[in-house]
Amino acid sequence: VKRGRETWSFINKDMVIGRDRDRDNVVNMLFGSSNNGVVETLSVVAIVGIGGIGKSTLAQYVYNDEKVKIKFDLHIWVWATQNFDNMEILQKILASVTDEKSDQGVLDMLQRQVRRQISGKKYFLVLDNIWDHQNLCLNWAELQNVLLCGAPASRTLFTTRSESVARIVGTKRNPYMLSGLAPEDSWLLFQRIAFRPGQEHGVEAIGKEIARMCGDVPLVVRTIGGLLAEKCTVKEWGAFRDDEKVKMNFDLRIWVWATQNFDNMEILQKILASVTDE
C-alpha cells in the first residue's frame, strides 16, 4: 500500500525556505553522540512531524548537505511503502547503490547482495515516509541485521508522522520534531510559487491575505500558490480569497493536517477540485 507521492533524493535548494536551522540541527544530531554518550553500532535519527510539514524536504536538504556528502562512502535514498516491506526496501537499497534496478525476488539472495555492497562501508541511508503498523517492529529488526554489516560510522535518517515509530526503531536520540514555517518564510515561499509575469498589479496585496490563510504548512502554501499562479487578474484572486468554500476548506485544513491516517496531498487536491469545479 502506498501513501502519497514517491520521493527522491534530489532537491532544488533555491526552493527550500526557512529550513537552514532545521538542517543544521539534524546534521548535528547525525554526527553527535547519543543522549547517554554511548557510541552506537547503528546510529538512527528520526524526523517527526505532521503530514505536509516538510519532513521529506528536510531529509533531502540534509542528504545533499556538503558536510554529509563528504562523510560517507555510500549515499542511499529509500522511499518506504506503508507496510515497510523488507523485500522492497532491500531492492531499493541495492538499486541505489548499484544504479541498476533489482528484480531479485528471493529475500535471502537479496539480503546477501545488499550485505556485499555495504559491508565495511560507511553509508548514509534515508528511509523516507515510515508508517506504524503491526509488523514494523519485526521487519525493522530483520533489516537491522543486514544494515549492521556496514561500517560503525554509518548513519540512518528516517521520516515519519508518528512518534511511536521512533520508539519502535529504538533510536537512542530524541526525535527531531519538525514544526511549521515562520510567517515570513511562508510568505516568501508563497511569493516564489504564486507570482508570475503578466499578473495584474494588486494581486500581491490579496496574496498576502491568502498566504496568511495557508498558515505554516509548506504543502498547503505550495499547493495554493501553484493554483493561484494560473490566475492573472485581481478579480480572479479576489474571488478565490472571498469564496465561502475556500474559507470553509481552509478551516477543514486544520483538521486534515491534525489527522495522521490520511494522505494529505490527495485530500487537499480533492478540496481544491471542489472549489474550482463550478
C-alpha atoms as a PDB file:
ATOM      1  CA  VAL A   1       0.000   0.000   0.000  1.00  0.00           C
ATOM      2  CA  LYS A   2       1.411   3.352  -0.980  1.00  0.00           C
ATOM      3  CA  ARG A   3       0.793   6.684   0.658  1.00  0.00           C
ATOM      4  CA  GLY A   4       1.396   9.955  -1.160  1.00  0.00           C
ATOM      5  CA  ARG A   5       3.901  10.663  -3.887  1.00  0.00           C
ATOM      6  CA  GLU A   6       7.160   8.765  -4.046  1.00  0.00           C
ATOM      7  CA  THR A   7      10.110  10.997  -3.179  1.00  0.00           C
ATOM      8  CA  TRP A   8      13.673  11.149  -4.456  1.00  0.00           C
ATOM      9  CA  SER A   9      16.983  12.423  -3.125  1.00  0.00           C
ATOM     10  CA  PHE A  10      17.374  15.455  -5.408  1.00  0.00           C
ATOM     11  CA  ILE A  11      16.305  18.885  -4.191  1.00  0.00           C
ATOM     12  CA  ASN A  12      16.363  22.378  -5.664  1.00  0.00           C
ATOM     13  CA  LYS A  13      17.936  24.218  -2.747  1.00  0.00           C
ATOM     14  CA  ASP A  14      16.708  27.567  -4.075  1.00  0.00           C
ATOM     15  CA  MET A  15      13.140  26.432  -3.340  1.00  0.00           C
ATOM     16  CA  VAL A  16      13.839  25.484   0.285  1.00  0.00           C
ATOM     17  CA  ILE A  17      12.672  28.300   2.522  1.00  0.00           C
ATOM     18  CA  GLY A  18      13.202  28.650   6.265  1.00  0.00           C
ATOM     19  CA  ARG A  19      14.802  25.268   6.894  1.00  0.00           C
ATOM     20  CA  ASP A  20      18.507  26.094   7.293  1.00  0.00           C
ATOM     21  CA  ARG A  21      18.395  25.891  11.077  1.00  0.00           C
ATOM     22  CA  ASP A  22      16.450  22.612  10.949  1.00  0.00           C
ATOM     23  CA  ARG A  23      19.003  21.182   8.507  1.00  0.00           C
ATOM     24  CA  ASP A  24      21.910  22.186  10.739  1.00  0.00           C
ATOM     25  CA  ASN A  25      20.198  20.736  13.813  1.00  0.00           C
ATOM     26  CA  VAL A  26      19.607  17.372  12.121  1.00  0.00           C
ATOM     27  CA  VAL A  27      23.176  17.257  10.755  1.00  0.00           C
ATOM     28  CA  ASN A  28      24.476  17.897  14.274  1.00  0.00           C
ATOM     29  CA  MET A  29      22.304  15.061  15.570  1.00  0.00           C
ATOM     30  CA  LEU A  30      23.696  12.729  12.900  1.00  0.00           C
ATOM     31  CA  PHE A  31      27.288  13.398  13.855  1.00  0.00           C
ATOM     32  CA  GLY A  32      26.810  13.797  17.595  1.00  0.00           C
ATOM     33  CA  SER A  33      26.737  11.094  20.244  1.00  0.00           C
ATOM     34  CA  SER A  34      23.559   9.598  21.614  1.00  0.00           C
ATOM     35  CA  ASN A  35      21.784  11.037  24.650  1.00  0.00           C
ATOM     36  CA  ASN A  36      23.778   8.867  27.044  1.00  0.00           C
ATOM     37  CA  GLY A  37      27.087   9.337  25.241  1.00  0.00           C
ATOM     38  CA  VAL A  38      27.271   5.726  24.054  1.00  0.00           C
ATOM     39  CA  VAL A  39      28.693   5.114  20.574  1.00  0.00           C
ATOM     40  CA  GLU A  40      26.039   3.268  18.586  1.00  0.00           C
ATOM     41  CA  THR A  41      26.783   0.470  16.163  1.00  0.00           C
ATOM     42  CA  LEU A  42      23.775   1.513  14.097  1.00  0.00           C
ATOM     43  CA  SER A  43      23.055   5.205  14.596  1.00  0.00           C
ATOM     44  CA  VAL A  44      19.493   6.273  13.806  1.00  0.00           C
ATOM     45  CA  VAL A  45      17.934   9.740  13.768  1.00  0.00           C
ATOM     46  CA  ALA A  46      14.218  10.411  13.270  1.00  0.00           C
ATOM     47  CA  ILE A  47      12.422  13.453  11.838  1.00  0.00           C
ATOM     48  CA  VAL A  48       8.839  13.510  13.115  1.00  0.00           C
ATOM     49  CA  GLY A  49       6.037  15.824  12.006  1.00  0.00           C
ATOM     50  CA  ILE A  50       2.503  16.026  10.672  1.00  0.00           C
ATOM     51  CA  GLY A  51       1.759  15.363   7.014  1.00  0.00           C
ATOM     52  CA  GLY A  52       2.735  18.188   4.667  1.00  0.00           C
ATOM     53  CA  ILE A  53       5.020  19.913   7.180  1.00  0.00           C
ATOM     54  CA  GLY A  54       8.165  19.269   5.093  1.00  0.00           C
ATOM     55  CA  LYS A  55       9.810  16.154   6.557  1.00  0.00           C
ATOM     56  CA  SER A  56      10.872  14.782   3.161  1.00  0.00           C
ATOM     57  CA  THR A  57      12.126  18.205   2.066  1.00  0.00           C
ATOM     58  CA  LEU A  58      14.235  18.487   5.210  1.00  0.00           C
ATOM     59  CA  ALA A  59      15.604  14.966   4.701  1.00  0.00           C
ATOM     60  CA  GLN A  60      16.524  15.890   1.107  1.00  0.00           C
ATOM     61  CA  TYR A  61      18.171  19.089   2.358  1.00  0.00           C
ATOM     62  CA  VAL A  62      20.242  17.091   4.853  1.00  0.00           C
ATOM     63  CA  TYR A  63      21.059  14.381   2.282  1.00  0.00           C
ATOM     64  CA  ASN A  64      22.502  16.971  -0.107  1.00  0.00           C
ATOM     65  CA  ASP A  65      24.395  18.979   2.511  1.00  0.00           C
ATOM     66  CA  GLU A  66      28.110  19.161   1.693  1.00  0.00           C
ATOM     67  CA  LYS A  67      29.126  18.154   5.226  1.00  0.00           C
ATOM     68  CA  VAL A  68      27.062  15.000   4.851  1.00  0.00           C
ATOM     69  CA  LYS A  69      28.261  14.211   1.328  1.00  0.00           C
ATOM     70  CA  ILE A  70      31.947  14.089   2.263  1.00  0.00           C
ATOM     71  CA  LYS A  71      31.453  11.881   5.346  1.00  0.00           C
ATOM     72  CA  PHE A  72      30.156   8.715   3.697  1.00  0.00           C
ATOM     73  CA  ASP A  73      31.182   6.139   1.108  1.00  0.00           C
ATOM     74  CA  LEU A  74      27.588   5.413   0.085  1.00  0.00           C
ATOM     75  CA  HIS A  75      24.501   7.610  -0.021  1.00  0.00           C
ATOM     76  CA  ILE A  76      21.204   5.703  -0.191  1.00  0.00           C
ATOM     77  CA  TRP A  77      17.676   7.087  -0.505  1.00  0.00           C
ATOM     78  CA  VAL A  78      14.656   4.824   0.001  1.00  0.00           C
ATOM     79  CA  TRP A  79      11.011   5.860  -0.083  1.00  0.00           C
ATOM     80  CA  ALA A  80       9.150   3.308   2.004  1.00  0.00           C
ATOM     81  CA  THR A  81       5.667   1.971   1.463  1.00  0.00           C
ATOM     82  CA  GLN A  82       3.194   1.849   4.318  1.00  0.00           C
ATOM     83  CA  ASN A  83       3.721  -1.823   5.138  1.00  0.00           C
ATOM     84  CA  PHE A  84       7.540  -1.459   5.407  1.00  0.00           C
ATOM     85  CA  ASP A  85       8.207  -4.464   3.180  1.00  0.00           C
ATOM     86  CA  ASN A  86      11.829  -5.609   3.540  1.00  0.00           C
ATOM     87  CA  MET A  87      11.904  -7.172   0.097  1.00  0.00           C
ATOM     88  CA  GLU A  88      11.047  -3.836  -1.485  1.00  0.00           C
ATOM     89  CA  ILE A  89      13.344  -1.841   0.803  1.00  0.00           C
ATOM     90  CA  LEU A  90      16.325  -4.105   0.088  1.00  0.00           C
ATOM     91  CA  GLN A  91      15.609  -3.913  -3.645  1.00  0.00           C
ATOM     92  CA  LYS A  92      15.632  -0.124  -3.427  1.00  0.00           C
ATOM     93  CA  ILE A  93      18.844  -0.091  -1.369  1.00  0.00           C
ATOM     94  CA  LEU A  94      20.546  -2.327  -3.926  1.00  0.00           C
ATOM     95  CA  ALA A  95      19.279  -0.210  -6.832  1.00  0.00           C
ATOM     96  CA  SER A  96      20.503   2.976  -5.144  1.00  0.00           C
ATOM     97  CA  VAL A  97      23.971   1.550  -4.535  1.00  0.00           C
ATOM     98  CA  THR A  98      24.437  -0.071  -7.955  1.00  0.00           C
ATOM     99  CA  ASP A  99      22.363   2.339 -10.101  1.00  0.00           C
ATOM    100  CA  GLU A 100      20.601  -0.711 -11.506  1.00  0.00           C
ATOM    101  CA  LYS A 101      17.058  -1.869 -10.847  1.00  0.00           C
ATOM    102  CA  SER A 102      16.956  -5.115  -8.907  1.00  0.00           C
ATOM    103  CA  ASP A 103      14.454  -7.776  -9.943  1.00  0.00           C
ATOM    104  CA  GLN A 104      15.736 -10.239  -7.380  1.00  0.00           C
ATOM    105  CA  GLY A 105      12.686 -11.830  -5.800  1.00  0.00           C
ATOM    106  CA  VAL A 106      14.356 -14.206  -3.346  1.00  0.00           C
ATOM    107  CA  LEU A 107      14.766 -12.449   0.002  1.00  0.00           C
ATOM    108  CA  ASP A 108      17.794 -14.480   1.132  1.00  0.00           C
ATOM    109  CA  MET A 109      19.710 -13.813  -2.077  1.00  0.00           C
ATOM    110  CA  LEU A 110      18.717 -10.159  -1.932  1.00  0.00           C
ATOM    111  CA  GLN A 111      19.980  -9.625   1.600  1.00  0.00           C
ATOM    112  CA  ARG A 112      23.295 -11.268   0.665  1.00  0.00           C
ATOM    113  CA  GLN A 113      23.679  -8.928  -2.293  1.00  0.00           C
ATOM    114  CA  VAL A 114      22.969  -5.891  -0.137  1.00  0.00           C
ATOM    115  CA  ARG A 115      25.377  -7.079   2.555  1.00  0.00           C
ATOM    116  CA  ARG A 116      28.144  -7.482  -0.043  1.00  0.00           C
ATOM    117  CA  GLN A 117      27.538  -3.960  -1.330  1.00  0.00           C
ATOM    118  CA  ILE A 118      27.561  -2.190   2.054  1.00  0.00           C
ATOM    119  CA  SER A 119      29.888  -4.459   4.052  1.00  0.00           C
ATOM    120  CA  GLY A 120      32.558  -2.402   5.813  1.00  0.00           C
ATOM    121  CA  LYS A 121      31.452   0.793   4.078  1.00  0.00           C
ATOM    122  CA  LYS A 122      30.293   3.945   5.765  1.00  0.00           C
ATOM    123  CA  TYR A 123      26.818   4.638   4.424  1.00  0.00           C
ATOM    124  CA  PHE A 124      24.156   7.276   4.909  1.00  0.00           C
ATOM    125  CA  LEU A 125      20.700   5.773   4.487  1.00  0.00           C
ATOM    126  CA  VAL A 126      17.478   7.771   4.362  1.00  0.00           C
ATOM    127  CA  LEU A 127      14.219   5.884   4.904  1.00  0.00           C
ATOM    128  CA  ASP A 128      11.530   8.362   3.950  1.00  0.00           C
ATOM    129  CA  ASN A 129       7.876   8.081   4.980  1.00  0.00           C
ATOM    130  CA  ILE A 130       7.862   5.287   7.572  1.00  0.00           C
ATOM    131  CA  TRP A 131       4.416   4.358   8.889  1.00  0.00           C
ATOM    132  CA  ASP A 132       3.492   2.491  12.043  1.00  0.00           C
ATOM    133  CA  HIS A 133       1.894  -0.899  11.534  1.00  0.00           C
ATOM    134  CA  GLN A 134       1.724  -4.259  13.265  1.00  0.00           C
ATOM    135  CA  ASN A 135       4.800  -5.788  11.575  1.00  0.00           C
ATOM    136  CA  LEU A 136       7.092  -2.763  11.779  1.00  0.00           C
ATOM    137  CA  CYS A 137       8.964  -3.925  14.878  1.00  0.00           C
ATOM    138  CA  LEU A 138       9.748  -7.358  13.398  1.00  0.00           C
ATOM    139  CA  ASN A 139      10.583  -6.040   9.925  1.00  0.00           C
ATOM    140  CA  TRP A 140      12.862  -3.333  11.314  1.00  0.00           C
ATOM    141  CA  ALA A 141      14.716  -5.848  13.484  1.00  0.00           C
ATOM    142  CA  GLU A 142      15.335  -8.034  10.413  1.00  0.00           C
ATOM    143  CA  LEU A 143      16.503  -5.067   8.337  1.00  0.00           C
ATOM    144  CA  GLN A 144      18.846  -4.002  11.124  1.00  0.00           C
ATOM    145  CA  ASN A 145      20.646  -7.328  10.898  1.00  0.00           C
ATOM    146  CA  VAL A 146      21.508  -6.538   7.281  1.00  0.00           C
ATOM    147  CA  LEU A 147      22.438  -2.909   7.939  1.00  0.00           C
ATOM    148  CA  LEU A 148      24.800  -3.813  10.791  1.00  0.00           C
ATOM    149  CA  CYS A 149      27.414  -5.089   8.344  1.00  0.00           C
ATOM    150  CA  GLY A 150      28.216  -1.508   7.330  1.00  0.00           C
ATOM    151  CA  ALA A 151      30.998   0.491   8.967  1.00  0.00           C
ATOM    152  CA  PRO A 152      30.276   1.647  12.560  1.00  0.00           C
ATOM    153  CA  ALA A 153      30.180   5.306  11.473  1.00  0.00           C
ATOM    154  CA  SER A 154      27.177   4.671   9.212  1.00  0.00           C
ATOM    155  CA  ARG A 155      24.029   6.674   9.802  1.00  0.00           C
ATOM    156  CA  THR A 156      20.322   6.155   9.127  1.00  0.00           C
ATOM    157  CA  LEU A 157      17.825   9.002   8.944  1.00  0.00           C
ATOM    158  CA  PHE A 158      14.114   8.339   8.674  1.00  0.00           C
ATOM    159  CA  THR A 159      10.990  10.465   8.457  1.00  0.00           C
ATOM    160  CA  THR A 160       7.637   9.624   9.983  1.00  0.00           C
ATOM    161  CA  ARG A 161       4.403  11.177  11.194  1.00  0.00           C
ATOM    162  CA  SER A 162       4.405   9.015  14.314  1.00  0.00           C
ATOM    163  CA  GLU A 163       6.460   9.318  17.479  1.00  0.00           C
ATOM    164  CA  SER A 164       5.689   5.661  18.147  1.00  0.00           C
ATOM    165  CA  VAL A 165       7.723   4.751  15.052  1.00  0.00           C
ATOM    166  CA  ALA A 166      10.747   6.486  16.576  1.00  0.00           C
ATOM    167  CA  ARG A 167      10.314   4.352  19.679  1.00  0.00           C
ATOM    168  CA  ILE A 168       9.904   1.149  17.665  1.00  0.00           C
ATOM    169  CA  VAL A 169      13.146   1.587  15.744  1.00  0.00           C
ATOM    170  CA  GLY A 170      14.934   2.130  19.018  1.00  0.00           C
ATOM    171  CA  THR A 171      16.828   5.323  18.286  1.00  0.00           C
ATOM    172  CA  LYS A 172      18.874   6.447  21.290  1.00  0.00           C
ATOM    173  CA  ARG A 173      18.275  10.112  20.453  1.00  0.00           C
ATOM    174  CA  ASN A 174      15.097  12.063  20.912  1.00  0.00           C
ATOM    175  CA  PRO A 175      13.349  12.533  17.557  1.00  0.00           C
ATOM    176  CA  TYR A 176      13.622  15.862  15.778  1.00  0.00           C
ATOM    177  CA  MET A 177      10.136  17.346  15.986  1.00  0.00           C
ATOM    178  CA  LEU A 178       9.638  19.443  12.870  1.00  0.00           C
ATOM    179  CA  SER A 179       7.369  22.453  13.248  1.00  0.00           C
ATOM    180  CA  GLY A 180       5.788  24.734  10.661  1.00  0.00           C
ATOM    181  CA  LEU A 181       7.315  27.675   8.846  1.00  0.00           C
ATOM    182  CA  ALA A 182       7.631  31.125  10.365  1.00  0.00           C
ATOM    183  CA  PRO A 183       5.075  33.589   8.885  1.00  0.00           C
ATOM    184  CA  GLU A 184       7.732  35.453   6.918  1.00  0.00           C
ATOM    185  CA  ASP A 185       9.020  32.199   5.433  1.00  0.00           C
ATOM    186  CA  SER A 186       5.516  31.075   4.471  1.00  0.00           C
ATOM    187  CA  TRP A 187       5.040  34.391   2.682  1.00  0.00           C
ATOM    188  CA  LEU A 188       8.393  34.117   0.877  1.00  0.00           C
ATOM    189  CA  LEU A 189       7.583  30.570  -0.262  1.00  0.00           C
ATOM    190  CA  PHE A 190       4.155  31.706  -1.441  1.00  0.00           C
ATOM    191  CA  GLN A 191       5.701  34.557  -3.447  1.00  0.00           C
ATOM    192  CA  ARG A 192       8.120  32.266  -5.260  1.00  0.00           C
ATOM    193  CA  ILE A 193       5.344  29.933  -6.351  1.00  0.00           C
ATOM    194  CA  ALA A 194       2.276  32.100  -6.876  1.00  0.00           C
ATOM    195  CA  PHE A 195       3.553  35.211  -8.635  1.00  0.00           C
ATOM    196  CA  ARG A 196       4.277  35.153 -12.356  1.00  0.00           C
ATOM    197  CA  PRO A 197       4.995  37.770 -15.055  1.00  0.00           C
ATOM    198  CA  GLY A 198       1.821  39.129 -16.589  1.00  0.00           C
ATOM    199  CA  GLN A 199      -0.284  39.152 -13.440  1.00  0.00           C
ATOM    200  CA  GLU A 200      -2.117  42.382 -12.693  1.00  0.00           C
ATOM    201  CA  HIS A 201      -0.900  44.885 -10.125  1.00  0.00           C
ATOM    202  CA  GLY A 202      -2.844  44.376  -6.942  1.00  0.00           C
ATOM    203  CA  VAL A 203      -2.648  40.602  -6.724  1.00  0.00           C
ATOM    204  CA  GLU A 204       0.223  40.863  -4.228  1.00  0.00           C
ATOM    205  CA  ALA A 205      -1.931  42.526  -1.565  1.00  0.00           C
ATOM    206  CA  ILE A 206      -4.565  39.818  -1.970  1.00  0.00           C
ATOM    207  CA  GLY A 207      -1.793  37.212  -1.970  1.00  0.00           C
ATOM    208  CA  LYS A 208      -0.658  38.342   1.469  1.00  0.00           C
ATOM    209  CA  GLU A 209      -4.125  37.668   2.834  1.00  0.00           C
ATOM    210  CA  ILE A 210      -4.284  34.244   1.194  1.00  0.00           C
ATOM    211  CA  ALA A 211      -0.797  33.368   2.429  1.00  0.00           C
ATOM    212  CA  ARG A 212      -1.932  34.069   5.989  1.00  0.00           C
ATOM    213  CA  MET A 213      -4.865  31.725   5.391  1.00  0.00           C
ATOM    214  CA  CYS A 214      -2.410  28.987   4.356  1.00  0.00           C
ATOM    215  CA  GLY A 215      -0.742  29.062   7.763  1.00  0.00           C
ATOM    216  CA  ASP A 216       2.596  27.386   8.398  1.00  0.00           C
ATOM    217  CA  VAL A 217       2.237  24.112   6.456  1.00  0.00           C
ATOM    218  CA  PRO A 218       4.538  24.203   3.383  1.00  0.00           C
ATOM    219  CA  LEU A 219       2.444  21.739   1.380  1.00  0.00           C
ATOM    220  CA  VAL A 220      -0.605  23.968   1.727  1.00  0.00           C
ATOM    221  CA  VAL A 221       1.409  27.033   0.709  1.00  0.00           C
ATOM    222  CA  ARG A 222       2.860  25.253  -2.329  1.00  0.00           C
ATOM    223  CA  THR A 223      -0.465  23.809  -3.463  1.00  0.00           C
ATOM    224  CA  ILE A 224      -2.488  27.006  -3.071  1.00  0.00           C
ATOM    225  CA  GLY A 225       0.344  29.074  -4.555  1.00  0.00           C
ATOM    226  CA  GLY A 226       0.522  26.747  -7.545  1.00  0.00           C
ATOM    227  CA  LEU A 227      -3.213  27.049  -8.100  1.00  0.00           C
ATOM    228  CA  LEU A 228      -3.086  30.851  -7.988  1.00  0.00           C
ATOM    229  CA  ALA A 229      -0.075  31.010 -10.320  1.00  0.00           C
ATOM    230  CA  GLU A 230      -2.527  30.191 -13.108  1.00  0.00           C
ATOM    231  CA  LYS A 231      -4.696  33.237 -12.281  1.00  0.00           C
ATOM    232  CA  CYS A 232      -3.692  36.633 -13.686  1.00  0.00           C
ATOM    233  CA  THR A 233      -6.334  39.149 -12.653  1.00  0.00           C
ATOM    234  CA  VAL A 234      -7.180  40.890  -9.406  1.00  0.00           C
ATOM    235  CA  LYS A 235     -10.766  39.755  -9.923  1.00  0.00           C
ATOM    236  CA  GLU A 236      -9.725  36.074 -10.014  1.00  0.00           C
ATOM    237  CA  TRP A 237      -7.511  36.388  -6.955  1.00  0.00           C
ATOM    238  CA  GLY A 238     -10.188  38.292  -5.050  1.00  0.00           C
ATOM    239  CA  ALA A 239     -12.825  35.738  -5.976  1.00  0.00           C
ATOM    240  CA  PHE A 240     -10.610  32.935  -4.646  1.00  0.00           C
ATOM    241  CA  ARG A 241      -9.978  34.789  -1.392  1.00  0.00           C
ATOM    242  CA  ASP A 242     -13.652  35.592  -0.861  1.00  0.00           C
ATOM    243  CA  ASP A 243     -15.135  32.259  -1.907  1.00  0.00           C
ATOM    244  CA  GLU A 244     -17.009  30.799   1.049  1.00  0.00           C
ATOM    245  CA  LYS A 245     -15.983  27.272   0.059  1.00  0.00           C
ATOM    246  CA  VAL A 246     -12.334  28.331   0.167  1.00  0.00           C
ATOM    247  CA  LYS A 247     -12.786  29.775   3.648  1.00  0.00           C
ATOM    248  CA  MET A 248     -14.576  26.632   4.799  1.00  0.00           C
ATOM    249  CA  ASN A 249     -11.893  24.372   3.388  1.00  0.00           C
ATOM    250  CA  PHE A 250      -9.097  26.344   4.989  1.00  0.00           C
ATOM    251  CA  ASP A 251     -10.823  25.654   8.296  1.00  0.00           C
ATOM    252  CA  LEU A 252     -11.020  21.982   7.265  1.00  0.00           C
ATOM    253  CA  ARG A 253      -7.261  22.059   6.603  1.00  0.00           C
ATOM    254  CA  ILE A 254      -6.644  22.323  10.343  1.00  0.00           C
ATOM    255  CA  TRP A 255      -8.465  19.027  10.871  1.00  0.00           C
ATOM    256  CA  VAL A 256      -6.860  17.379   7.861  1.00  0.00           C
ATOM    257  CA  TRP A 257      -3.306  18.135   8.956  1.00  0.00           C
ATOM    258  CA  ALA A 258      -4.001  17.139  12.545  1.00  0.00           C
ATOM    259  CA  THR A 259      -5.087  13.695  11.326  1.00  0.00           C
ATOM    260  CA  GLN A 260      -2.374  11.087  10.918  1.00  0.00           C
ATOM    261  CA  ASN A 261      -4.272   8.440   8.964  1.00  0.00           C
ATOM    262  CA  PHE A 262      -4.923  10.153   5.636  1.00  0.00           C
ATOM    263  CA  ASP A 263      -2.958  11.104   2.567  1.00  0.00           C
ATOM    264  CA  ASN A 264      -2.983  14.874   2.978  1.00  0.00           C
ATOM    265  CA  MET A 265      -1.926  15.655  -0.599  1.00  0.00           C
ATOM    266  CA  GLU A 266      -4.791  13.616  -2.032  1.00  0.00           C
ATOM    267  CA  ILE A 267      -7.319  15.203   0.306  1.00  0.00           C
ATOM    268  CA  LEU A 268      -6.102  18.728  -0.454  1.00  0.00           C
ATOM    269  CA  GLN A 269      -6.333  18.068  -4.177  1.00  0.00           C
ATOM    270  CA  LYS A 270      -9.943  16.942  -3.727  1.00  0.00           C
ATOM    271  CA  ILE A 271     -10.689  20.027  -1.651  1.00  0.00           C
ATOM    272  CA  LEU A 272      -9.243  22.313  -4.312  1.00  0.00           C
ATOM    273  CA  ALA A 273     -11.133  20.454  -7.034  1.00  0.00           C
ATOM    274  CA  SER A 274     -14.389  21.111  -5.169  1.00  0.00           C
ATOM    275  CA  VAL A 275     -13.520  24.805  -5.027  1.00  0.00           C
ATOM    276  CA  THR A 276     -12.548  25.228  -8.664  1.00  0.00           C
ATOM    277  CA  ASP A 277     -15.087  22.919 -10.363  1.00  0.00           C
ATOM    278  CA  GLU A 278     -18.226  25.009 -10.716  1.00  0.00           C
END
